[in-house]
């Protein structure tokens, strides 16, 4: 279990949110799957924000990951200098912080976040909260260069998945923040969102009962995992860690 009460170091996934066409339907689904309660756009666990929902078009790109920075404007400039594209310029989010959205050179969307009283997810790495984000992309080499240039990440090979091109990303302090998975057959690049759960098989059953679809949970070197798709077509992963 990890409680978060301050801004995280540069590059740390610090918030996830999802644009949905029907907010009430999304609340019903995610409430049944994770036991979340809701306050406006915040998804709450034990009264603390763990994710966000917002109303937008049905063509949402999926769960958005926001990477921490102490200076959104400077990091946004680094994004463009490294070959990325800004989707929204740095802007204030009233009462919460400063944000921007960008595309990396492979086309994957991500946010930047500097909290001003709102660091992002207040609980992580426990059941029904965010545990991991990984980039799936056909342009892994280009992505590795970009994220290392913008966020100062170092790279570390992964020996757990022989035959897979899966590189860990580490902050300068050595903390692993996620990874880049080469997916040559992928048609788009995207950051995948993984939530920890107490029982992956039970979570699959709850998701299907709530109107989603899911692949059966299966063992991996990191725990029992399942790919789940919500009623709007957004995929995420649930894991019961080993």
C-alpha atoms as a PDB file:
ATOM      1  CA  UNK A   1       0.000   0.000   0.000  1.00  0.00           C
ATOM      2  CA  UNK A   2       1.271   3.486  -0.852  1.00  0.00           C
ATOM      3  CA  UNK A   3      -0.286   6.755   0.250  1.00  0.00           C
ATOM      4  CA  UNK A   4       0.690   9.878  -1.707  1.00  0.00           C
ATOM      5  CA  UNK A   5       0.469  13.341  -0.186  1.00  0.00           C
ATOM      6  CA  UNK A   6       2.957  15.350  -2.240  1.00  0.00           C
ATOM      7  CA  UNK A   7       4.083  15.908  -5.811  1.00  0.00           C
ATOM      8  CA  UNK A   8       6.078  13.032  -7.262  1.00  0.00           C
ATOM      9  CA  UNK A   9       9.523  13.222  -8.933  1.00  0.00           C
ATOM     10  CA  UNK A  10       9.863  14.075 -12.606  1.00  0.00           C
ATOM     11  CA  UNK A  11       8.385  11.458 -14.926  1.00  0.00           C
ATOM     12  CA  UNK A  12       6.432   9.495 -12.327  1.00  0.00           C
ATOM     13  CA  UNK A  13       2.937   8.432 -13.440  1.00  0.00           C
ATOM     14  CA  UNK A  14       0.956  10.509 -10.982  1.00  0.00           C
ATOM     15  CA  UNK A  15      -2.652  10.558 -12.235  1.00  0.00           C
ATOM     16  CA  UNK A  16      -4.899   8.624 -14.614  1.00  0.00           C
ATOM     17  CA  UNK A  17      -8.231   9.728 -15.978  1.00  0.00           C
ATOM     18  CA  UNK A  18     -10.670   8.634 -18.623  1.00  0.00           C
ATOM     19  CA  UNK A  19     -12.939  10.560 -20.977  1.00  0.00           C
ATOM     20  CA  UNK A  20     -16.329   8.863 -21.371  1.00  0.00           C
ATOM     21  CA  UNK A  21     -19.516   9.714 -23.289  1.00  0.00           C
ATOM     22  CA  UNK A  22     -21.782   8.708 -20.382  1.00  0.00           C
ATOM     23  CA  UNK A  23     -20.531   9.621 -16.916  1.00  0.00           C
ATOM     24  CA  UNK A  24     -23.258   7.802 -14.995  1.00  0.00           C
ATOM     25  CA  UNK A  25     -22.715   4.590 -16.952  1.00  0.00           C
ATOM     26  CA  UNK A  26     -18.969   4.828 -16.327  1.00  0.00           C
ATOM     27  CA  UNK A  27     -19.535   5.321 -12.619  1.00  0.00           C
ATOM     28  CA  UNK A  28     -21.810   2.299 -12.525  1.00  0.00           C
ATOM     29  CA  UNK A  29     -19.232   0.098 -14.289  1.00  0.00           C
ATOM     30  CA  UNK A  30     -16.105   1.177 -12.422  1.00  0.00           C
ATOM     31  CA  UNK A  31     -17.934   1.327  -9.115  1.00  0.00           C
ATOM     32  CA  UNK A  32     -18.966  -2.312  -9.481  1.00  0.00           C
ATOM     33  CA  UNK A  33     -15.523  -3.435 -10.693  1.00  0.00           C
ATOM     34  CA  UNK A  34     -13.329  -1.577  -8.184  1.00  0.00           C
ATOM     35  CA  UNK A  35     -15.697  -0.524  -5.436  1.00  0.00           C
ATOM     36  CA  UNK A  36     -14.983   3.139  -6.125  1.00  0.00           C
ATOM     37  CA  UNK A  37     -17.176   5.964  -4.941  1.00  0.00           C
ATOM     38  CA  UNK A  38     -17.375   9.260  -6.786  1.00  0.00           C
ATOM     39  CA  UNK A  39     -17.126  12.972  -6.107  1.00  0.00           C
ATOM     40  CA  UNK A  40     -17.539  15.025  -9.262  1.00  0.00           C
ATOM     41  CA  UNK A  41     -14.864  13.760 -11.623  1.00  0.00           C
ATOM     42  CA  UNK A  42     -12.864  11.972  -8.926  1.00  0.00           C
ATOM     43  CA  UNK A  43     -12.992   8.225  -8.327  1.00  0.00           C
ATOM     44  CA  UNK A  44     -12.491   7.639  -4.606  1.00  0.00           C
ATOM     45  CA  UNK A  45     -11.220   4.746  -2.519  1.00  0.00           C
ATOM     46  CA  UNK A  46     -11.570   5.233   1.241  1.00  0.00           C
ATOM     47  CA  UNK A  47     -12.421   8.847   0.469  1.00  0.00           C
ATOM     48  CA  UNK A  48      -9.203   9.559  -1.476  1.00  0.00           C
ATOM     49  CA  UNK A  49      -8.872  10.213  -5.236  1.00  0.00           C
ATOM     50  CA  UNK A  50      -7.395   7.269  -7.150  1.00  0.00           C
ATOM     51  CA  UNK A  51      -8.445   8.128 -10.726  1.00  0.00           C
ATOM     52  CA  UNK A  52     -10.662  10.513 -12.684  1.00  0.00           C
ATOM     53  CA  UNK A  53     -13.628  10.377 -15.067  1.00  0.00           C
ATOM     54  CA  UNK A  54     -14.689  13.202 -17.346  1.00  0.00           C
ATOM     55  CA  UNK A  55     -17.289  13.631 -20.059  1.00  0.00           C
ATOM     56  CA  UNK A  56     -16.030  13.734 -23.632  1.00  0.00           C
ATOM     57  CA  UNK A  57     -16.717  12.275 -27.066  1.00  0.00           C
ATOM     58  CA  UNK A  58     -17.090   8.522 -27.460  1.00  0.00           C
ATOM     59  CA  UNK A  59     -13.821   8.419 -29.397  1.00  0.00           C
ATOM     60  CA  UNK A  60     -11.664   8.625 -26.283  1.00  0.00           C
ATOM     61  CA  UNK A  61      -8.085   7.369 -26.679  1.00  0.00           C
ATOM     62  CA  UNK A  62      -8.428   5.467 -23.406  1.00  0.00           C
ATOM     63  CA  UNK A  63      -7.062   5.988 -19.928  1.00  0.00           C
ATOM     64  CA  UNK A  64      -4.699   8.969 -19.947  1.00  0.00           C
ATOM     65  CA  UNK A  65      -1.537   8.808 -17.874  1.00  0.00           C
ATOM     66  CA  UNK A  66      -0.161  12.083 -16.505  1.00  0.00           C
ATOM     67  CA  UNK A  67       3.575  12.258 -15.780  1.00  0.00           C
ATOM     68  CA  UNK A  68       4.771  14.440 -12.941  1.00  0.00           C
ATOM     69  CA  UNK A  69       6.892  17.542 -13.413  1.00  0.00           C
ATOM     70  CA  UNK A  70       7.821  20.480 -11.215  1.00  0.00           C
ATOM     71  CA  UNK A  71       7.641  22.799 -14.252  1.00  0.00           C
ATOM     72  CA  UNK A  72       5.006  21.998 -16.873  1.00  0.00           C
ATOM     73  CA  UNK A  73       6.167  24.792 -19.172  1.00  0.00           C
ATOM     74  CA  UNK A  74       9.800  23.658 -19.166  1.00  0.00           C
ATOM     75  CA  UNK A  75       8.868  20.009 -19.688  1.00  0.00           C
ATOM     76  CA  UNK A  76       6.479  20.959 -22.492  1.00  0.00           C
ATOM     77  CA  UNK A  77       9.374  22.764 -24.186  1.00  0.00           C
ATOM     78  CA  UNK A  78      11.520  19.642 -23.740  1.00  0.00           C
ATOM     79  CA  UNK A  79       8.756  17.555 -25.327  1.00  0.00           C
ATOM     80  CA  UNK A  80       8.785  19.614 -28.533  1.00  0.00           C
ATOM     81  CA  UNK A  81      12.586  19.818 -28.579  1.00  0.00           C
ATOM     82  CA  UNK A  82      12.745  16.013 -28.479  1.00  0.00           C
ATOM     83  CA  UNK A  83      10.310  15.600 -31.379  1.00  0.00           C
ATOM     84  CA  UNK A  84       6.975  15.406 -29.558  1.00  0.00           C
ATOM     85  CA  UNK A  85       3.868  17.472 -30.231  1.00  0.00           C
ATOM     86  CA  UNK A  86       1.798  19.499 -27.787  1.00  0.00           C
ATOM     87  CA  UNK A  87      -1.934  18.834 -27.993  1.00  0.00           C
ATOM     88  CA  UNK A  88      -2.767  21.439 -25.361  1.00  0.00           C
ATOM     89  CA  UNK A  89      -0.463  24.194 -24.205  1.00  0.00           C
ATOM     90  CA  UNK A  90       0.399  24.412 -20.492  1.00  0.00           C
ATOM     91  CA  UNK A  91      -2.601  25.706 -18.604  1.00  0.00           C
ATOM     92  CA  UNK A  92      -3.857  26.050 -15.049  1.00  0.00           C
ATOM     93  CA  UNK A  93      -6.506  23.710 -13.678  1.00  0.00           C
ATOM     94  CA  UNK A  94      -8.321  25.814 -11.123  1.00  0.00           C
ATOM     95  CA  UNK A  95      -7.604  24.784  -7.567  1.00  0.00           C
ATOM     96  CA  UNK A  96      -5.555  21.758  -8.580  1.00  0.00           C
ATOM     97  CA  UNK A  97      -2.425  22.415 -10.603  1.00  0.00           C
ATOM     98  CA  UNK A  98      -0.968  22.978 -14.040  1.00  0.00           C
ATOM     99  CA  UNK A  99      -1.288  20.607 -16.987  1.00  0.00           C
ATOM    100  CA  UNK A 100      -0.568  19.964 -20.650  1.00  0.00           C
ATOM    101  CA  UNK A 101      -1.196  17.126 -23.104  1.00  0.00           C
ATOM    102  CA  UNK A 102       1.269  15.847 -25.684  1.00  0.00           C
ATOM    103  CA  UNK A 103       2.004  13.158 -28.230  1.00  0.00           C
ATOM    104  CA  UNK A 104       5.368  11.438 -28.244  1.00  0.00           C
ATOM    105  CA  UNK A 105       7.092  10.898 -31.645  1.00  0.00           C
ATOM    106  CA  UNK A 106       5.373   7.495 -31.987  1.00  0.00           C
ATOM    107  CA  UNK A 107       1.920   9.039 -31.524  1.00  0.00           C
ATOM    108  CA  UNK A 108       1.247   7.980 -27.916  1.00  0.00           C
ATOM    109  CA  UNK A 109      -0.728  10.508 -25.890  1.00  0.00           C
ATOM    110  CA  UNK A 110       0.240  11.491 -22.337  1.00  0.00           C
ATOM    111  CA  UNK A 111      -0.290  14.335 -19.909  1.00  0.00           C
ATOM    112  CA  UNK A 112       2.016  16.474 -17.805  1.00  0.00           C
ATOM    113  CA  UNK A 113       1.025  17.399 -14.276  1.00  0.00           C
ATOM    114  CA  UNK A 114       2.280  19.698 -11.544  1.00  0.00           C
ATOM    115  CA  UNK A 115       0.035  19.683  -8.519  1.00  0.00           C
ATOM    116  CA  UNK A 116      -0.841  22.761  -6.533  1.00  0.00           C
ATOM    117  CA  UNK A 117      -2.626  21.090  -3.669  1.00  0.00           C
ATOM    118  CA  UNK A 118      -3.560  18.042  -5.770  1.00  0.00           C
ATOM    119  CA  UNK A 119      -0.646  15.635  -6.374  1.00  0.00           C
ATOM    120  CA  UNK A 120      -2.769  13.147  -8.340  1.00  0.00           C
ATOM    121  CA  UNK A 121      -3.585   9.612  -7.213  1.00  0.00           C
ATOM    122  CA  UNK A 122      -3.590   9.648  -3.420  1.00  0.00           C
ATOM    123  CA  UNK A 123      -3.455   5.842  -3.136  1.00  0.00           C
ATOM    124  CA  UNK A 124      -1.441   3.553  -5.441  1.00  0.00           C
ATOM    125  CA  UNK A 125       0.023   0.040  -5.479  1.00  0.00           C
ATOM    126  CA  UNK A 126      -2.817  -1.592  -3.562  1.00  0.00           C
ATOM    127  CA  UNK A 127      -5.999  -3.352  -4.664  1.00  0.00           C
ATOM    128  CA  UNK A 128      -8.337  -1.181  -6.749  1.00  0.00           C
ATOM    129  CA  UNK A 129      -5.701   1.471  -7.455  1.00  0.00           C
ATOM    130  CA  UNK A 130      -3.159   2.270 -10.159  1.00  0.00           C
ATOM    131  CA  UNK A 131      -0.117   0.024 -10.078  1.00  0.00           C
ATOM    132  CA  UNK A 132       1.575   0.434 -13.464  1.00  0.00           C
ATOM    133  CA  UNK A 133       1.751   2.121 -16.862  1.00  0.00           C
ATOM    134  CA  UNK A 134       3.611   0.739 -19.877  1.00  0.00           C
ATOM    135  CA  UNK A 135       3.981   2.103 -23.395  1.00  0.00           C
ATOM    136  CA  UNK A 136       3.045  -0.310 -26.189  1.00  0.00           C
ATOM    137  CA  UNK A 137       4.458   0.897 -29.485  1.00  0.00           C
ATOM    138  CA  UNK A 138       5.767  -0.260 -32.867  1.00  0.00           C
ATOM    139  CA  UNK A 139       8.432   2.465 -32.525  1.00  0.00           C
ATOM    140  CA  UNK A 140      10.181   1.370 -29.335  1.00  0.00           C
ATOM    141  CA  UNK A 141      13.633   2.733 -30.192  1.00  0.00           C
ATOM    142  CA  UNK A 142      12.244   6.177 -31.015  1.00  0.00           C
ATOM    143  CA  UNK A 143      10.140   6.155 -27.840  1.00  0.00           C
ATOM    144  CA  UNK A 144      13.085   5.193 -25.645  1.00  0.00           C
ATOM    145  CA  UNK A 145      15.153   8.076 -27.007  1.00  0.00           C
ATOM    146  CA  UNK A 146      12.304  10.529 -26.481  1.00  0.00           C
ATOM    147  CA  UNK A 147      11.395   9.671 -22.882  1.00  0.00           C
ATOM    148  CA  UNK A 148      15.032   9.518 -21.813  1.00  0.00           C
ATOM    149  CA  UNK A 149      15.641  12.963 -23.335  1.00  0.00           C
ATOM    150  CA  UNK A 150      12.560  14.597 -21.798  1.00  0.00           C
ATOM    151  CA  UNK A 151      12.470  12.986 -18.357  1.00  0.00           C
ATOM    152  CA  UNK A 152      16.055  11.875 -17.755  1.00  0.00           C
ATOM    153  CA  UNK A 153      15.072   8.210 -17.584  1.00  0.00           C
ATOM    154  CA  UNK A 154      17.622   5.444 -17.795  1.00  0.00           C
ATOM    155  CA  UNK A 155      16.907   2.090 -19.418  1.00  0.00           C
ATOM    156  CA  UNK A 156      17.115  -1.382 -17.971  1.00  0.00           C
ATOM    157  CA  UNK A 157      16.619  -4.649 -19.829  1.00  0.00           C
ATOM    158  CA  UNK A 158      13.949  -7.125 -18.786  1.00  0.00           C
ATOM    159  CA  UNK A 159      15.053 -10.733 -18.330  1.00  0.00           C
ATOM    160  CA  UNK A 160      11.632 -11.927 -17.152  1.00  0.00           C
ATOM    161  CA  UNK A 161      10.127 -12.078 -20.642  1.00  0.00           C
ATOM    162  CA  UNK A 162      12.657 -13.796 -22.915  1.00  0.00           C
ATOM    163  CA  UNK A 163      12.132 -12.982 -26.549  1.00  0.00           C
ATOM    164  CA  UNK A 164      10.187  -9.794 -25.821  1.00  0.00           C
ATOM    165  CA  UNK A 165      11.588  -6.317 -26.401  1.00  0.00           C
ATOM    166  CA  UNK A 166      10.502  -4.849 -23.055  1.00  0.00           C
ATOM    167  CA  UNK A 167      12.643  -2.113 -21.519  1.00  0.00           C
ATOM    168  CA  UNK A 168      12.166  -0.769 -17.995  1.00  0.00           C
ATOM    169  CA  UNK A 169      12.214   3.010 -17.535  1.00  0.00           C
ATOM    170  CA  UNK A 170      13.923   4.270 -14.388  1.00  0.00           C
ATOM    171  CA  UNK A 171      14.050   7.732 -12.860  1.00  0.00           C
ATOM    172  CA  UNK A 172      17.512   9.152 -12.066  1.00  0.00           C
ATOM    173  CA  UNK A 173      17.071   7.855  -8.499  1.00  0.00           C
ATOM    174  CA  UNK A 174      16.740   4.309  -9.878  1.00  0.00           C
ATOM    175  CA  UNK A 175      13.008   3.935  -9.204  1.00  0.00           C
ATOM    176  CA  UNK A 176      11.194   2.016 -11.950  1.00  0.00           C
ATOM    177  CA  UNK A 177       8.237   3.991 -13.291  1.00  0.00           C
ATOM    178  CA  UNK A 178       7.078   1.721 -16.108  1.00  0.00           C
ATOM    179  CA  UNK A 179       8.355   0.281 -19.340  1.00  0.00           C
ATOM    180  CA  UNK A 180       8.346   0.357 -23.125  1.00  0.00           C
ATOM    181  CA  UNK A 181       7.077  -2.757 -24.866  1.00  0.00           C
ATOM    182  CA  UNK A 182       7.916  -3.129 -28.561  1.00  0.00           C
ATOM    183  CA  UNK A 183       4.753  -4.186 -30.374  1.00  0.00           C
ATOM    184  CA  UNK A 184       5.656  -4.318 -34.089  1.00  0.00           C
ATOM    185  CA  UNK A 185       2.127  -5.293 -35.120  1.00  0.00           C
ATOM    186  CA  UNK A 186       0.395  -2.526 -33.149  1.00  0.00           C
ATOM    187  CA  UNK A 187      -1.496  -0.039 -35.298  1.00  0.00           C
ATOM    188  CA  UNK A 188      -1.185   2.762 -32.720  1.00  0.00           C
ATOM    189  CA  UNK A 189       1.100   3.622 -29.817  1.00  0.00           C
ATOM    190  CA  UNK A 190      -0.523   3.996 -26.427  1.00  0.00           C
ATOM    191  CA  UNK A 191       0.176   4.002 -22.717  1.00  0.00           C
ATOM    192  CA  UNK A 192      -1.501   0.993 -21.094  1.00  0.00           C
ATOM    193  CA  UNK A 193      -2.973   1.360 -17.611  1.00  0.00           C
ATOM    194  CA  UNK A 194      -2.874  -1.458 -15.053  1.00  0.00           C
ATOM    195  CA  UNK A 195      -4.844  -1.545 -11.810  1.00  0.00           C
ATOM    196  CA  UNK A 196      -3.994  -3.858  -8.946  1.00  0.00           C
ATOM    197  CA  UNK A 197      -6.822  -6.093  -7.705  1.00  0.00           C
ATOM    198  CA  UNK A 198      -7.159  -8.609  -4.889  1.00  0.00           C
ATOM    199  CA  UNK A 199      -8.457 -11.361  -7.200  1.00  0.00           C
ATOM    200  CA  UNK A 200      -8.049 -11.082 -10.972  1.00  0.00           C
ATOM    201  CA  UNK A 201     -10.552 -13.839 -11.704  1.00  0.00           C
ATOM    202  CA  UNK A 202     -13.202 -12.244  -9.496  1.00  0.00           C
ATOM    203  CA  UNK A 203     -12.535  -8.866 -11.130  1.00  0.00           C
ATOM    204  CA  UNK A 204     -13.094 -10.391 -14.579  1.00  0.00           C
ATOM    205  CA  UNK A 205     -16.428 -11.762 -13.392  1.00  0.00           C
ATOM    206  CA  UNK A 206     -17.460  -8.396 -11.962  1.00  0.00           C
ATOM    207  CA  UNK A 207     -16.474  -6.586 -15.164  1.00  0.00           C
ATOM    208  CA  UNK A 208     -18.513  -8.938 -17.344  1.00  0.00           C
ATOM    209  CA  UNK A 209     -21.509  -8.716 -15.004  1.00  0.00           C
ATOM    210  CA  UNK A 210     -21.270  -4.904 -15.167  1.00  0.00           C
ATOM    211  CA  UNK A 211     -21.461  -4.856 -18.967  1.00  0.00           C
ATOM    212  CA  UNK A 212     -17.803  -5.067 -19.966  1.00  0.00           C
ATOM    213  CA  UNK A 213     -15.843  -7.820 -21.668  1.00  0.00           C
ATOM    214  CA  UNK A 214     -12.658  -9.552 -20.583  1.00  0.00           C
ATOM    215  CA  UNK A 215     -10.100 -12.158 -21.429  1.00  0.00           C
ATOM    216  CA  UNK A 216      -9.693 -14.907 -18.812  1.00  0.00           C
ATOM    217  CA  UNK A 217      -7.086 -14.105 -16.170  1.00  0.00           C
ATOM    218  CA  UNK A 218      -3.773 -15.851 -16.798  1.00  0.00           C
ATOM    219  CA  UNK A 219      -0.491 -16.266 -14.911  1.00  0.00           C
ATOM    220  CA  UNK A 220       2.524 -14.090 -15.796  1.00  0.00           C
ATOM    221  CA  UNK A 221       5.925 -13.620 -14.132  1.00  0.00           C
ATOM    222  CA  UNK A 222       4.434 -10.625 -12.294  1.00  0.00           C
ATOM    223  CA  UNK A 223       1.129 -12.071 -11.162  1.00  0.00           C
ATOM    224  CA  UNK A 224      -2.238 -13.131 -12.481  1.00  0.00           C
ATOM    225  CA  UNK A 225      -3.412 -10.694 -15.165  1.00  0.00           C
ATOM    226  CA  UNK A 226      -6.481 -10.051 -17.270  1.00  0.00           C
ATOM    227  CA  UNK A 227      -7.284  -7.632 -20.082  1.00  0.00           C
ATOM    228  CA  UNK A 228     -10.661  -5.974 -19.501  1.00  0.00           C
ATOM    229  CA  UNK A 229     -12.690  -3.711 -21.787  1.00  0.00           C
ATOM    230  CA  UNK A 230     -15.277  -1.326 -20.354  1.00  0.00           C
ATOM    231  CA  UNK A 231     -18.697  -0.676 -21.979  1.00  0.00           C
ATOM    232  CA  UNK A 232     -17.208   2.168 -24.049  1.00  0.00           C
ATOM    233  CA  UNK A 233     -14.467   0.024 -25.611  1.00  0.00           C
ATOM    234  CA  UNK A 234     -11.628   1.214 -23.359  1.00  0.00           C
ATOM    235  CA  UNK A 235      -9.176  -1.519 -22.413  1.00  0.00           C
ATOM    236  CA  UNK A 236      -7.199  -1.720 -19.187  1.00  0.00           C
ATOM    237  CA  UNK A 237      -5.394  -4.471 -17.314  1.00  0.00           C
ATOM    238  CA  UNK A 238      -6.057  -5.911 -13.850  1.00  0.00           C
ATOM    239  CA  UNK A 239      -3.339  -7.757 -11.961  1.00  0.00           C
ATOM    240  CA  UNK A 240      -3.129  -9.700  -8.730  1.00  0.00           C
ATOM    241  CA  UNK A 241       0.554  -9.398  -8.038  1.00  0.00           C
ATOM    242  CA  UNK A 242       2.601 -12.459  -7.163  1.00  0.00           C
END
